Amino acid sequence: MIVIIDYGLGNLASIGNMLKRIGVEAIISSNKDAIARADKLVLPGVGAFDVGMRNLIDRDLITILHERVLEERTPILGICLGLQLFGTESAEGTGPGLGWIDARSIPFHSPPTGPSRVPHMGWNNLHPRTASPLLDNLPEDSRFYFVHSYHLECHDPADVLAVTEHGYEFPSVVVRENVLGTQFHPEKSHRFGASLMENFVRYT
């Protein structure tokens, strides 16, 4: 069973509907017992960094998430803000993140060729940096839906599974062992997003 973590932010129902379409049992919950029983976890998110962390704290979810992810090595997929919360901090906020990835969130800056539109919104491609089961069977022309003004800056290049171009390259898929994240929204990315979610379901 997959638990989509309800902390008051994100496209929870859309993620649940996509998992249902690919035949996967999933529930939306902030219940710690449900999180403790989950085979895999999804941390979605749309909004501000500090609000996301505050909501996790207010729902008393930090300890159970650390136990499941760091101690029990449960696979977790962070989506958009969910991915950014995996890092240590954000230029958008003042408080710390979960600290599972050595990275910080930064705003898009103007590249040497001139400013790019911010937020980065719409369809874009991935450029894999290394092979991973998370990207298995995705065609080269796979497109995913993005909407964000901040992105991760990873201090360890080995954590960056794929990048995307928006004025310059930024990490769009990040993997550190059982901690996985996408800056795009697979639940809005039609068949390409469904394929990636199927890969996550099989990820060990």
C-alpha atoms as a PDB file:
ATOM      1  CA  MET A   1       0.000   0.000   0.000  1.00  0.00           C
ATOM      2  CA  ILE A   2       1.154   3.523  -0.811  1.00  0.00           C
ATOM      3  CA  VAL A   3       0.340   6.390   1.534  1.00  0.00           C
ATOM      4  CA  ILE A   4       0.075   9.863   0.030  1.00  0.00           C
ATOM      5  CA  ILE A   5       0.963  12.101   2.960  1.00  0.00           C
ATOM      6  CA  ASP A   6      -1.704  14.677   3.710  1.00  0.00           C
ATOM      7  CA  TYR A   7      -0.089  17.734   5.241  1.00  0.00           C
ATOM      8  CA  GLY A   8      -2.442  20.266   3.753  1.00  0.00           C
ATOM      9  CA  LEU A   9      -0.553  20.961   0.522  1.00  0.00           C
ATOM     10  CA  GLY A  10      -0.485  19.357  -2.905  1.00  0.00           C
ATOM     11  CA  ASN A  11      -2.566  17.636  -5.523  1.00  0.00           C
ATOM     12  CA  LEU A  12      -3.490  14.743  -3.268  1.00  0.00           C
ATOM     13  CA  ALA A  13      -6.574  13.522  -5.119  1.00  0.00           C
ATOM     14  CA  SER A  14      -4.864  13.772  -8.513  1.00  0.00           C
ATOM     15  CA  ILE A  15      -1.991  11.579  -7.318  1.00  0.00           C
ATOM     16  CA  GLY A  16      -4.446   9.101  -5.818  1.00  0.00           C
ATOM     17  CA  ASN A  17      -6.437   8.976  -9.046  1.00  0.00           C
ATOM     18  CA  MET A  18      -3.321   8.314 -11.115  1.00  0.00           C
ATOM     19  CA  LEU A  19      -2.255   5.477  -8.827  1.00  0.00           C
ATOM     20  CA  LYS A  20      -5.754   4.046  -9.013  1.00  0.00           C
ATOM     21  CA  ARG A  21      -5.633   4.166 -12.834  1.00  0.00           C
ATOM     22  CA  ILE A  22      -2.443   2.108 -12.868  1.00  0.00           C
ATOM     23  CA  GLY A  23      -3.987  -0.411 -10.470  1.00  0.00           C
ATOM     24  CA  VAL A  24      -2.181   0.540  -7.259  1.00  0.00           C
ATOM     25  CA  GLU A  25      -3.771   0.694  -3.820  1.00  0.00           C
ATOM     26  CA  ALA A  26      -3.171   4.089  -2.237  1.00  0.00           C
ATOM     27  CA  ILE A  27      -4.696   6.148   0.550  1.00  0.00           C
ATOM     28  CA  ILE A  28      -4.415   9.824   1.453  1.00  0.00           C
ATOM     29  CA  SER A  29      -3.621  10.162   5.132  1.00  0.00           C
ATOM     30  CA  SER A  30      -1.788  12.026   7.861  1.00  0.00           C
ATOM     31  CA  ASN A  31      -2.356   9.148  10.286  1.00  0.00           C
ATOM     32  CA  LYS A  32       0.936   7.971  11.769  1.00  0.00           C
ATOM     33  CA  ASP A  33      -0.222   4.355  12.010  1.00  0.00           C
ATOM     34  CA  ALA A  34      -1.049   4.333   8.298  1.00  0.00           C
ATOM     35  CA  ILE A  35       2.337   5.871   7.476  1.00  0.00           C
ATOM     36  CA  ALA A  36       4.020   3.237   9.662  1.00  0.00           C
ATOM     37  CA  ARG A  37       2.353   0.419   7.671  1.00  0.00           C
ATOM     38  CA  ALA A  38       2.959   1.834   4.192  1.00  0.00           C
ATOM     39  CA  ASP A  39       5.099  -0.010   1.658  1.00  0.00           C
ATOM     40  CA  LYS A  40       5.933   3.298  -0.016  1.00  0.00           C
ATOM     41  CA  LEU A  41       5.262   6.963   0.650  1.00  0.00           C
ATOM     42  CA  VAL A  42       4.525   9.987  -1.507  1.00  0.00           C
ATOM     43  CA  LEU A  43       5.126  13.536  -0.262  1.00  0.00           C
ATOM     44  CA  PRO A  44       3.372  15.932  -2.658  1.00  0.00           C
ATOM     45  CA  GLY A  45       3.388  19.680  -2.368  1.00  0.00           C
ATOM     46  CA  VAL A  46       2.395  22.994  -3.882  1.00  0.00           C
ATOM     47  CA  GLY A  47       3.247  26.193  -2.036  1.00  0.00           C
ATOM     48  CA  ALA A  48       5.889  27.769   0.170  1.00  0.00           C
ATOM     49  CA  PHE A  49       8.781  25.940   1.837  1.00  0.00           C
ATOM     50  CA  ASP A  50       8.264  27.203   5.398  1.00  0.00           C
ATOM     51  CA  VAL A  51       4.533  26.516   5.232  1.00  0.00           C
ATOM     52  CA  GLY A  52       5.222  22.945   4.124  1.00  0.00           C
ATOM     53  CA  MET A  53       7.654  22.294   6.971  1.00  0.00           C
ATOM     54  CA  ARG A  54       5.354  23.973   9.494  1.00  0.00           C
ATOM     55  CA  ASN A  55       2.450  21.793   8.384  1.00  0.00           C
ATOM     56  CA  LEU A  56       4.540  18.635   8.813  1.00  0.00           C
ATOM     57  CA  ILE A  57       5.550  19.793  12.299  1.00  0.00           C
ATOM     58  CA  ASP A  58       2.010  20.779  13.275  1.00  0.00           C
ATOM     59  CA  ARG A  59       0.756  17.319  12.279  1.00  0.00           C
ATOM     60  CA  ASP A  60       3.568  15.711  14.303  1.00  0.00           C
ATOM     61  CA  LEU A  61       4.861  13.852  11.226  1.00  0.00           C
ATOM     62  CA  ILE A  62       8.589  14.602  11.356  1.00  0.00           C
ATOM     63  CA  THR A  63       9.573  11.763  13.700  1.00  0.00           C
ATOM     64  CA  ILE A  64       7.572   9.039  11.924  1.00  0.00           C
ATOM     65  CA  LEU A  65       8.897  10.188   8.551  1.00  0.00           C
ATOM     66  CA  HIS A  66      12.501  10.096   9.767  1.00  0.00           C
ATOM     67  CA  GLU A  67      11.914   6.599  11.169  1.00  0.00           C
ATOM     68  CA  ARG A  68      10.349   5.258   7.985  1.00  0.00           C
ATOM     69  CA  VAL A  69      12.748   6.910   5.548  1.00  0.00           C
ATOM     70  CA  LEU A  70      16.099   6.980   7.350  1.00  0.00           C
ATOM     71  CA  GLU A  71      15.870   3.947   9.632  1.00  0.00           C
ATOM     72  CA  GLU A  72      13.550   1.563   7.785  1.00  0.00           C
ATOM     73  CA  ARG A  73      14.610   2.713   4.299  1.00  0.00           C
ATOM     74  CA  THR A  74      11.061   2.983   3.010  1.00  0.00           C
ATOM     75  CA  PRO A  75      11.001   4.400  -0.544  1.00  0.00           C
ATOM     76  CA  ILE A  76       9.511   7.879  -0.661  1.00  0.00           C
ATOM     77  CA  LEU A  77       8.731  10.048  -3.687  1.00  0.00           C
ATOM     78  CA  GLY A  78       8.693  13.812  -3.248  1.00  0.00           C
ATOM     79  CA  ILE A  79       6.831  15.849  -5.849  1.00  0.00           C
ATOM     80  CA  CYS A  80       7.570  19.547  -6.515  1.00  0.00           C
ATOM     81  CA  LEU A  81       7.584  21.207  -3.070  1.00  0.00           C
ATOM     82  CA  GLY A  82       7.764  17.710  -1.574  1.00  0.00           C
ATOM     83  CA  LEU A  83      11.134  17.242  -3.276  1.00  0.00           C
ATOM     84  CA  GLN A  84      12.369  20.635  -2.083  1.00  0.00           C
ATOM     85  CA  LEU A  85      11.483  19.756   1.509  1.00  0.00           C
ATOM     86  CA  PHE A  86      13.933  16.829   1.274  1.00  0.00           C
ATOM     87  CA  GLY A  87      16.797  19.352   1.215  1.00  0.00           C
ATOM     88  CA  THR A  88      18.478  21.191   4.053  1.00  0.00           C
ATOM     89  CA  GLU A  89      17.068  24.687   3.475  1.00  0.00           C
ATOM     90  CA  SER A  90      15.481  27.060   0.995  1.00  0.00           C
ATOM     91  CA  ALA A  91      16.228  30.615  -0.062  1.00  0.00           C
ATOM     92  CA  GLU A  92      12.449  31.029   0.069  1.00  0.00           C
ATOM     93  CA  GLY A  93      12.234  30.298   3.786  1.00  0.00           C
ATOM     94  CA  THR A  94      14.018  30.645   7.098  1.00  0.00           C
ATOM     95  CA  GLY A  95      13.646  27.213   8.678  1.00  0.00           C
ATOM     96  CA  PRO A  96      15.439  23.923   7.957  1.00  0.00           C
ATOM     97  CA  GLY A  97      14.167  21.215   5.657  1.00  0.00           C
ATOM     98  CA  LEU A  98      14.080  17.488   6.320  1.00  0.00           C
ATOM     99  CA  GLY A  99      17.776  17.194   5.467  1.00  0.00           C
ATOM    100  CA  TRP A 100      17.583  13.882   3.602  1.00  0.00           C
ATOM    101  CA  ILE A 101      19.437  15.289   0.587  1.00  0.00           C
ATOM    102  CA  ASP A 102      22.428  17.636   0.692  1.00  0.00           C
ATOM    103  CA  ALA A 103      20.741  20.370  -1.296  1.00  0.00           C
ATOM    104  CA  ARG A 104      19.061  23.737  -0.944  1.00  0.00           C
ATOM    105  CA  SER A 105      16.243  25.310  -2.927  1.00  0.00           C
ATOM    106  CA  ILE A 106      17.067  28.464  -4.855  1.00  0.00           C
ATOM    107  CA  PRO A 107      15.053  30.733  -7.172  1.00  0.00           C
ATOM    108  CA  PHE A 108      15.597  30.701 -10.896  1.00  0.00           C
ATOM    109  CA  HIS A 109      18.186  33.266 -11.885  1.00  0.00           C
ATOM    110  CA  SER A 110      18.709  34.971 -15.224  1.00  0.00           C
ATOM    111  CA  PRO A 111      21.053  32.968 -17.471  1.00  0.00           C
ATOM    112  CA  PRO A 112      23.761  34.678 -19.565  1.00  0.00           C
ATOM    113  CA  THR A 113      21.512  34.453 -22.628  1.00  0.00           C
ATOM    114  CA  GLY A 114      18.829  36.558 -20.964  1.00  0.00           C
ATOM    115  CA  PRO A 115      15.959  36.053 -18.514  1.00  0.00           C
ATOM    116  CA  SER A 116      13.688  33.022 -18.722  1.00  0.00           C
ATOM    117  CA  ARG A 117      10.038  33.137 -17.794  1.00  0.00           C
ATOM    118  CA  VAL A 118       9.372  32.507 -14.109  1.00  0.00           C
ATOM    119  CA  PRO A 119       7.582  30.534 -12.911  1.00  0.00           C
ATOM    120  CA  HIS A 120       8.752  27.722 -15.129  1.00  0.00           C
ATOM    121  CA  MET A 121       5.359  26.468 -16.246  1.00  0.00           C
ATOM    122  CA  GLY A 122       4.376  23.920 -18.857  1.00  0.00           C
ATOM    123  CA  TRP A 123       5.807  20.870 -20.576  1.00  0.00           C
ATOM    124  CA  ASN A 124       9.512  20.106 -20.688  1.00  0.00           C
ATOM    125  CA  ASN A 125      11.921  17.214 -21.208  1.00  0.00           C
ATOM    126  CA  LEU A 126      14.313  15.293 -18.998  1.00  0.00           C
ATOM    127  CA  HIS A 127      17.988  14.748 -19.750  1.00  0.00           C
ATOM    128  CA  PRO A 128      19.122  11.704 -17.721  1.00  0.00           C
ATOM    129  CA  ARG A 129      22.538  11.859 -16.119  1.00  0.00           C
ATOM    130  CA  THR A 130      22.646   8.208 -15.125  1.00  0.00           C
ATOM    131  CA  ALA A 131      20.532   5.059 -15.372  1.00  0.00           C
ATOM    132  CA  SER A 132      17.935   4.253 -12.733  1.00  0.00           C
ATOM    133  CA  PRO A 133      14.877   1.985 -12.469  1.00  0.00           C
ATOM    134  CA  LEU A 134      12.841   5.154 -11.838  1.00  0.00           C
ATOM    135  CA  LEU A 135      13.319   6.137 -15.488  1.00  0.00           C
ATOM    136  CA  ASP A 136      13.007   2.674 -17.035  1.00  0.00           C
ATOM    137  CA  ASN A 137      11.097   2.423 -20.333  1.00  0.00           C
ATOM    138  CA  LEU A 138      10.594   6.176 -20.686  1.00  0.00           C
ATOM    139  CA  PRO A 139      11.097   7.213 -24.333  1.00  0.00           C
ATOM    140  CA  GLU A 140      13.576   9.946 -25.186  1.00  0.00           C
ATOM    141  CA  ASP A 141      10.761  12.336 -26.075  1.00  0.00           C
ATOM    142  CA  SER A 142       9.034  11.978 -22.687  1.00  0.00           C
ATOM    143  CA  ARG A 143       7.566  15.280 -21.514  1.00  0.00           C
ATOM    144  CA  PHE A 144       6.527  16.261 -18.022  1.00  0.00           C
ATOM    145  CA  TYR A 145       4.502  19.114 -16.575  1.00  0.00           C
ATOM    146  CA  PHE A 146       6.319  21.712 -14.448  1.00  0.00           C
ATOM    147  CA  VAL A 147       5.118  24.681 -12.436  1.00  0.00           C
ATOM    148  CA  HIS A 148       7.685  26.175 -10.027  1.00  0.00           C
ATOM    149  CA  SER A 149       9.810  29.231  -9.287  1.00  0.00           C
ATOM    150  CA  TYR A 150      12.444  27.447  -7.157  1.00  0.00           C
ATOM    151  CA  HIS A 151      14.576  24.404  -7.818  1.00  0.00           C
ATOM    152  CA  LEU A 152      17.107  22.310  -5.939  1.00  0.00           C
ATOM    153  CA  GLU A 153      20.811  23.026  -5.993  1.00  0.00           C
ATOM    154  CA  CYS A 154      22.414  19.672  -5.156  1.00  0.00           C
ATOM    155  CA  HIS A 155      25.842  19.706  -3.537  1.00  0.00           C
ATOM    156  CA  ASP A 156      26.513  16.073  -4.518  1.00  0.00           C
ATOM    157  CA  PRO A 157      26.215  15.593  -8.303  1.00  0.00           C
ATOM    158  CA  ALA A 158      25.627  11.866  -7.730  1.00  0.00           C
ATOM    159  CA  ASP A 159      22.170  12.707  -6.349  1.00  0.00           C
ATOM    160  CA  VAL A 160      21.042  14.215  -9.669  1.00  0.00           C
ATOM    161  CA  LEU A 161      19.376  11.571 -11.817  1.00  0.00           C
ATOM    162  CA  ALA A 162      18.114  13.939 -14.539  1.00  0.00           C
ATOM    163  CA  VAL A 163      18.180  17.621 -15.419  1.00  0.00           C
ATOM    164  CA  THR A 164      15.872  19.896 -17.377  1.00  0.00           C
ATOM    165  CA  GLU A 165      16.680  23.018 -19.374  1.00  0.00           C
ATOM    166  CA  HIS A 166      14.990  26.315 -18.540  1.00  0.00           C
ATOM    167  CA  GLY A 167      17.524  29.001 -19.361  1.00  0.00           C
ATOM    168  CA  TYR A 168      20.064  26.654 -17.783  1.00  0.00           C
ATOM    169  CA  GLU A 169      20.055  23.097 -16.494  1.00  0.00           C
ATOM    170  CA  PHE A 170      18.542  22.377 -13.090  1.00  0.00           C
ATOM    171  CA  PRO A 171      17.942  19.062 -11.252  1.00  0.00           C
ATOM    172  CA  SER A 172      14.522  17.723 -12.185  1.00  0.00           C
ATOM    173  CA  VAL A 173      14.852  14.162 -10.824  1.00  0.00           C
ATOM    174  CA  VAL A 174      16.849  13.437  -7.676  1.00  0.00           C
ATOM    175  CA  VAL A 175      17.605  10.035  -6.153  1.00  0.00           C
ATOM    176  CA  ARG A 176      19.558   9.164  -3.021  1.00  0.00           C
ATOM    177  CA  GLU A 177      18.998   5.484  -2.256  1.00  0.00           C
ATOM    178  CA  ASN A 178      15.342   5.241  -1.106  1.00  0.00           C
ATOM    179  CA  VAL A 179      14.741   9.005  -1.307  1.00  0.00           C
ATOM    180  CA  LEU A 180      13.422   9.980  -4.741  1.00  0.00           C
ATOM    181  CA  GLY A 181      11.974  13.214  -6.015  1.00  0.00           C
ATOM    182  CA  THR A 182      10.695  14.984  -9.119  1.00  0.00           C
ATOM    183  CA  GLN A 183      10.455  18.723  -9.605  1.00  0.00           C
ATOM    184  CA  PHE A 184       7.660  18.142 -12.119  1.00  0.00           C
ATOM    185  CA  HIS A 185       4.183  16.783 -11.450  1.00  0.00           C
ATOM    186  CA  PRO A 186       3.850  13.190 -12.674  1.00  0.00           C
ATOM    187  CA  GLU A 187       0.143  13.274 -11.796  1.00  0.00           C
ATOM    188  CA  LYS A 188      -0.301  15.999 -14.443  1.00  0.00           C
ATOM    189  CA  SER A 189       2.007  14.404 -17.004  1.00  0.00           C
ATOM    190  CA  HIS A 190      -0.393  11.921 -18.621  1.00  0.00           C
ATOM    191  CA  ARG A 191       1.126   8.671 -19.910  1.00  0.00           C
ATOM    192  CA  PHE A 192       4.714   9.709 -19.179  1.00  0.00           C
ATOM    193  CA  GLY A 193       3.828  10.483 -15.590  1.00  0.00           C
ATOM    194  CA  ALA A 194       1.926   7.215 -15.295  1.00  0.00           C
ATOM    195  CA  SER A 195       4.984   5.304 -16.528  1.00  0.00           C
ATOM    196  CA  LEU A 196       7.199   7.013 -13.971  1.00  0.00           C
ATOM    197  CA  MET A 197       4.732   6.237 -11.173  1.00  0.00           C
ATOM    198  CA  GLU A 198       4.658   2.597 -12.270  1.00  0.00           C
ATOM    199  CA  ASN A 199       8.444   2.583 -11.989  1.00  0.00           C
ATOM    200  CA  PHE A 200       8.203   4.040  -8.496  1.00  0.00           C
ATOM    201  CA  VAL A 201       5.714   1.344  -7.474  1.00  0.00           C
ATOM    202  CA  ARG A 202       8.265  -1.289  -8.539  1.00  0.00           C
ATOM    203  CA  TYR A 203      11.242   0.546  -7.037  1.00  0.00           C
ATOM    204  CA  THR A 204      13.156  -1.355  -4.347  1.00  0.00           C
END
